[in-house]
Amino acid sequence: MKPLDDAYENGAYIAGAETYPPKWEKAAARFRDSLGARAELSLSYGSGDRQVFDFFNAKGTSKGSLIFVHGGYWKAFDQTYWSHLGAGALASGWSVAMPGYDLCPQVRISEITKQIASAVAKIADRTSGPIALAGHSAGGHLVSRMMDPAILPEAVRRRITRIASISPVADLAPLLETSMNDILGLDAVEARAESLIAMAPPQEAEVKIWVGADERPAFLEQATAQAKAWGSEQTISPQKHHFDVIEALEDPNSDMVRYLTGQ
């Protein structure tokens, strides 16, 4: 083990952690099936098999588009596990897009950032109106990176109105001291370049940080680090841990969905 392995281990501190991925996968499949033709699946935004997004169309004229980017420490999962998290925004009259991306160690984190930028630009091309971004864990890092002027074209960036960074990894330097870096392949230069705390706070979009009160101390510290660096509001969700803090996205009346959809 390396010095910070335990600090960034979530599953060992969540009761029934092993049951969550299969539950997510089944709930996501049921949700996609319930949408019928409104669910457009595996739309390409790049050259790789994982460079695709699922798009869930709002009923009638869409009020905007929510793009959700999943977590998994940049090395696990794809977009198909999370479809049900679009329920809240869809019920609020918004369309929802969920991109996948290549995983470490096949690519570096900086390349994943570029892939998500390509996905956001592609989704922007097929939509009109405001865009909101939400991301969980590594996804919180990725959606926040979209506000770097060097990452996303200005015309697209200016359409992004709100970002929910959920349990984000804002400072990648500590990951150098974890065994997972054998897969991530981070060095000090990339860790600094990809860290949210090293970015200038965005001017175009409002950003709010969410984190569960029952998360590992390292994730509470990471969320606070982004909030302080960016001057953003932070919400600590009571009795929520790293795996269930995202469930608020299913509820159109949750503070998270109401924020993202401008209610």
Protein backbone atom coordinates (compact mmCIF):
# COMPACT_ATOMS: atom_id res chain seq x y z
CA MET A 1 0.00 0.00 0.00
CA LYS A 2 0.97 3.60 -0.58
CA PRO A 3 0.53 6.44 1.95
CA LEU A 4 -2.85 7.76 0.77
CA ASP A 5 -4.54 4.57 -0.42
CA ASP A 6 -6.93 4.46 2.53
CA ALA A 7 -7.76 8.15 2.29
CA TYR A 8 -9.17 7.70 -1.23
CA GLU A 9 -10.81 4.31 -0.67
CA ASN A 10 -14.57 4.81 -0.71
CA GLY A 11 -16.05 1.34 -0.93
CA ALA A 12 -14.46 0.01 2.25
CA TYR A 13 -16.34 2.64 4.25
CA ILE A 14 -19.78 2.25 2.64
CA ALA A 15 -22.10 -0.52 3.81
CA GLY A 16 -23.04 -2.77 0.91
CA ALA A 17 -20.72 -0.92 -1.45
CA GLU A 18 -20.50 -3.90 -3.80
CA THR A 19 -24.27 -3.76 -4.43
CA TYR A 20 -24.26 -0.25 -5.86
CA PRO A 21 -22.81 -0.80 -9.38
CA PRO A 22 -25.29 -3.59 -10.24
CA LYS A 23 -28.16 -1.49 -8.87
CA TRP A 24 -27.04 1.50 -10.93
CA GLU A 25 -26.74 -0.62 -14.07
CA LYS A 26 -30.23 -2.12 -13.68
CA ALA A 27 -31.89 1.21 -12.82
CA ALA A 28 -30.20 2.85 -15.80
CA ALA A 29 -31.39 0.13 -18.20
CA ARG A 30 -34.96 0.37 -16.91
CA PHE A 31 -34.88 4.13 -17.32
CA ARG A 32 -33.63 3.96 -20.91
CA ASP A 33 -36.28 1.38 -21.76
CA SER A 34 -38.99 3.60 -20.30
CA LEU A 35 -38.04 6.44 -22.65
CA GLY A 36 -38.41 4.44 -25.84
CA ALA A 37 -37.53 6.51 -28.90
CA ARG A 38 -36.67 9.51 -26.72
CA ALA A 39 -33.44 7.72 -25.79
CA GLU A 40 -30.78 8.02 -28.50
CA LEU A 41 -27.88 5.77 -27.59
CA SER A 42 -24.16 5.57 -28.40
CA LEU A 43 -23.98 8.69 -30.54
CA SER A 44 -20.40 9.26 -31.66
CA TYR A 45 -18.38 12.34 -30.77
CA GLY A 46 -14.90 10.94 -31.50
CA SER A 47 -12.97 8.13 -33.11
CA GLY A 48 -12.94 5.58 -30.27
CA ASP A 49 -15.59 3.04 -29.33
CA ARG A 50 -16.00 4.65 -25.89
CA GLN A 51 -16.19 8.17 -27.32
CA VAL A 52 -19.97 8.18 -27.48
CA PHE A 53 -22.84 9.80 -25.63
CA ASP A 54 -26.43 8.88 -24.84
CA PHE A 55 -29.01 11.61 -25.39
CA PHE A 56 -32.40 11.67 -23.68
CA ASN A 57 -34.85 14.02 -25.34
CA ALA A 58 -37.22 16.16 -23.31
CA LYS A 59 -40.90 16.02 -24.06
CA GLY A 60 -41.80 18.88 -26.37
CA THR A 61 -39.45 21.82 -26.70
CA SER A 62 -36.43 21.43 -24.45
CA LYS A 63 -35.67 24.21 -21.95
CA GLY A 64 -31.98 23.37 -22.07
CA SER A 65 -29.50 20.51 -21.92
CA LEU A 66 -27.90 18.91 -18.88
CA ILE A 67 -24.67 17.03 -19.51
CA PHE A 68 -23.71 14.55 -16.78
CA VAL A 69 -20.18 13.11 -16.63
CA HIS A 70 -19.62 9.99 -14.54
CA GLY A 71 -16.86 9.19 -12.10
CA GLY A 72 -14.81 6.10 -11.33
CA TYR A 73 -11.36 7.65 -10.81
CA TRP A 74 -10.97 8.05 -14.60
CA LYS A 75 -10.48 4.26 -14.77
CA ALA A 76 -13.90 2.63 -14.40
CA PHE A 77 -17.51 2.60 -15.67
CA ASP A 78 -19.12 4.13 -18.74
CA GLN A 79 -22.18 6.26 -19.41
CA THR A 80 -24.61 3.34 -19.35
CA TYR A 81 -24.56 3.02 -15.54
CA TRP A 82 -26.08 6.44 -14.87
CA SER A 83 -29.03 7.00 -17.22
CA HIS A 84 -31.56 7.12 -14.36
CA LEU A 85 -29.78 10.17 -12.93
CA GLY A 86 -31.29 12.13 -15.81
CA ALA A 87 -34.81 11.70 -14.40
CA GLY A 88 -34.88 14.97 -12.47
CA ALA A 89 -33.80 17.20 -15.33
CA LEU A 90 -36.05 15.40 -17.84
CA ALA A 91 -39.05 15.90 -15.54
CA SER A 92 -38.13 19.58 -15.45
CA GLY A 93 -38.32 19.89 -19.24
CA TRP A 94 -34.61 19.60 -19.98
CA SER A 95 -32.85 17.18 -22.30
CA VAL A 96 -30.00 15.14 -20.84
CA ALA A 97 -26.75 13.92 -22.38
CA MET A 98 -24.31 11.44 -20.83
CA PRO A 99 -20.92 10.97 -22.49
CA GLY A 100 -18.55 8.09 -22.04
CA TYR A 101 -14.79 8.36 -22.43
CA ASP A 102 -11.64 6.29 -22.73
CA LEU A 103 -10.19 5.11 -19.43
CA CYS A 104 -6.77 5.09 -17.83
CA PRO A 105 -4.29 3.51 -18.41
CA GLN A 106 -5.17 3.49 -22.12
CA VAL A 107 -5.17 7.31 -22.02
CA ARG A 108 -3.97 9.99 -19.63
CA ILE A 109 -6.33 12.16 -17.60
CA SER A 110 -5.43 15.19 -19.72
CA GLU A 111 -6.64 13.31 -22.80
CA ILE A 112 -9.92 12.43 -21.06
CA THR A 113 -10.41 16.14 -20.39
CA LYS A 114 -10.03 16.80 -24.11
CA GLN A 115 -12.47 14.01 -24.94
CA ILE A 116 -15.14 15.47 -22.67
CA ALA A 117 -14.58 18.86 -24.29
CA SER A 118 -15.21 17.23 -27.68
CA ALA A 119 -18.36 15.62 -26.33
CA VAL A 120 -19.67 18.90 -24.89
CA ALA A 121 -18.99 20.68 -28.18
CA LYS A 122 -20.76 17.95 -30.15
CA ILE A 123 -23.78 18.05 -27.83
CA ALA A 124 -23.85 21.85 -28.10
CA ASP A 125 -23.95 21.54 -31.90
CA ARG A 126 -27.16 19.50 -31.79
CA THR A 127 -28.93 21.59 -29.16
CA SER A 128 -29.99 25.15 -28.49
CA GLY A 129 -30.46 27.10 -25.30
CA PRO A 130 -28.55 26.90 -22.03
CA ILE A 131 -26.25 24.05 -21.04
CA ALA A 132 -25.73 22.86 -17.48
CA LEU A 133 -22.98 20.48 -16.44
CA ALA A 134 -22.96 18.00 -13.58
CA GLY A 135 -20.23 15.54 -12.74
CA HIS A 136 -19.50 13.15 -9.89
CA SER A 137 -16.06 12.44 -8.39
CA ALA A 138 -13.70 12.27 -11.39
CA GLY A 139 -16.66 13.61 -13.36
CA GLY A 140 -16.78 16.62 -11.05
CA HIS A 141 -13.20 17.30 -12.04
CA LEU A 142 -13.96 16.84 -15.73
CA VAL A 143 -17.00 19.14 -15.93
CA SER A 144 -15.17 21.82 -13.98
CA ARG A 145 -12.21 21.62 -16.37
CA MET A 146 -14.56 22.66 -19.17
CA MET A 147 -14.34 26.24 -17.88
CA ASP A 148 -10.66 26.47 -18.80
CA PRO A 149 -10.55 28.81 -21.84
CA ALA A 150 -7.88 26.57 -23.38
CA ILE A 151 -10.16 23.52 -23.28
CA LEU A 152 -13.52 24.52 -24.75
CA PRO A 153 -14.37 27.03 -27.50
CA GLU A 154 -15.66 30.32 -26.15
CA ALA A 155 -18.97 30.09 -28.03
CA VAL A 156 -19.73 26.78 -26.30
CA ARG A 157 -18.37 27.85 -22.93
CA ARG A 158 -20.63 30.90 -22.88
CA ARG A 159 -23.72 28.70 -23.18
CA ILE A 160 -22.83 26.92 -19.94
CA THR A 161 -24.89 28.57 -17.24
CA ARG A 162 -24.41 26.34 -14.18
CA ILE A 163 -22.11 23.57 -13.01
CA ALA A 164 -22.69 21.10 -10.19
CA SER A 165 -19.36 19.65 -9.11
CA ILE A 166 -20.32 16.66 -6.95
CA SER A 167 -17.69 15.10 -4.65
CA PRO A 168 -14.98 16.41 -6.97
CA VAL A 169 -11.29 15.65 -7.10
CA ALA A 170 -10.00 19.22 -7.22
CA ASP A 171 -6.34 18.65 -6.36
CA LEU A 172 -4.76 15.71 -8.17
CA ALA A 173 -1.39 15.91 -6.40
CA PRO A 174 -2.41 13.60 -3.52
CA LEU A 175 -3.21 10.86 -6.04
CA LEU A 176 0.51 10.58 -6.75
CA GLU A 177 0.75 8.94 -3.32
CA THR A 178 -1.84 6.24 -4.07
CA SER A 179 -1.54 2.82 -5.66
CA MET A 180 -4.17 3.80 -8.22
CA ASN A 181 -1.55 6.03 -9.82
CA ASP A 182 -0.05 2.87 -11.25
CA ILE A 183 -3.12 3.00 -13.51
CA LEU A 184 -3.60 6.77 -13.77
CA GLY A 185 0.03 7.41 -14.69
CA LEU A 186 0.04 10.92 -13.27
CA ASP A 187 3.25 12.86 -12.82
CA ALA A 188 3.65 16.10 -10.89
CA VAL A 189 3.37 18.27 -14.00
CA GLU A 190 0.11 16.74 -15.23
CA ALA A 191 -1.33 16.62 -11.71
CA ARG A 192 -0.78 20.36 -11.37
CA ALA A 193 -2.03 21.18 -14.88
CA GLU A 194 -5.23 19.18 -14.37
CA SER A 195 -5.99 20.38 -10.85
CA LEU A 196 -9.01 22.65 -10.42
CA ILE A 197 -7.29 24.55 -7.63
CA ALA A 198 -4.70 25.71 -10.18
CA MET A 199 -7.34 27.13 -12.55
CA ALA A 200 -8.57 30.67 -12.61
CA PRO A 201 -12.16 30.76 -11.29
CA PRO A 202 -14.60 30.79 -14.23
CA GLN A 203 -16.37 34.02 -15.08
CA GLU A 204 -19.09 32.72 -17.37
CA ALA A 205 -20.90 30.09 -15.30
CA GLU A 206 -22.15 29.73 -11.75
CA VAL A 207 -20.56 26.79 -9.91
CA LYS A 208 -21.79 24.97 -6.81
CA ILE A 209 -20.04 22.17 -5.01
CA TRP A 210 -21.85 19.21 -3.43
CA VAL A 211 -20.38 16.59 -1.13
CA GLY A 212 -21.86 14.04 1.26
CA ALA A 213 -21.46 14.61 4.98
CA ASP A 214 -20.53 10.93 5.42
CA GLU A 215 -17.81 10.89 2.77
CA ARG A 216 -14.16 10.19 3.47
CA PRO A 217 -12.34 13.18 4.97
CA ALA A 218 -10.22 13.44 1.82
CA PHE A 219 -13.31 14.09 -0.30
CA LEU A 220 -14.65 16.67 2.13
CA GLU A 221 -11.26 18.37 1.90
CA GLN A 222 -11.25 18.15 -1.91
CA ALA A 223 -14.71 19.72 -2.16
CA THR A 224 -13.71 22.52 0.20
CA ALA A 225 -10.53 23.09 -1.81
CA GLN A 226 -12.49 23.70 -5.01
CA ALA A 227 -15.05 25.87 -3.23
CA LYS A 228 -12.34 28.06 -1.70
CA ALA A 229 -10.23 28.28 -4.85
CA TRP A 230 -13.21 29.22 -7.00
CA GLY A 231 -15.19 31.24 -4.47
CA SER A 232 -18.09 28.82 -4.96
CA GLU A 233 -20.94 27.89 -2.66
CA GLN A 234 -20.62 24.45 -1.07
CA THR A 235 -23.42 22.18 0.12
CA ILE A 236 -22.70 19.30 2.49
CA SER A 237 -25.55 16.84 2.06
CA PRO A 238 -26.51 15.26 5.41
CA GLN A 239 -26.39 11.47 5.76
CA LYS A 240 -25.01 11.02 2.25
CA HIS A 241 -21.85 9.18 1.24
CA HIS A 242 -19.84 9.02 -1.97
CA PHE A 243 -22.16 6.53 -3.67
CA ASP A 244 -25.58 8.00 -2.85
CA VAL A 245 -24.93 11.77 -2.91
CA ILE A 246 -25.75 11.67 -6.66
CA GLU A 247 -29.27 10.34 -6.09
CA ALA A 248 -30.51 13.93 -5.84
CA LEU A 249 -30.25 14.10 -9.63
CA GLU A 250 -33.23 11.76 -9.91
CA ASP A 251 -35.55 14.15 -8.08
CA PRO A 252 -36.88 17.21 -9.98
CA ASN A 253 -37.58 18.89 -6.64
CA SER A 254 -34.10 18.43 -5.18
CA ASP A 255 -31.97 21.49 -4.61
CA MET A 256 -29.41 20.08 -7.02
CA VAL A 257 -31.82 19.70 -9.94
CA ARG A 258 -33.57 22.97 -9.21
CA TYR A 259 -30.19 24.70 -9.26
CA LEU A 260 -29.08 23.07 -12.51
CA THR A 261 -32.34 23.85 -14.30
CA GLY A 262 -32.60 27.40 -12.96
CA GLN A 263 -35.81 26.89 -10.99
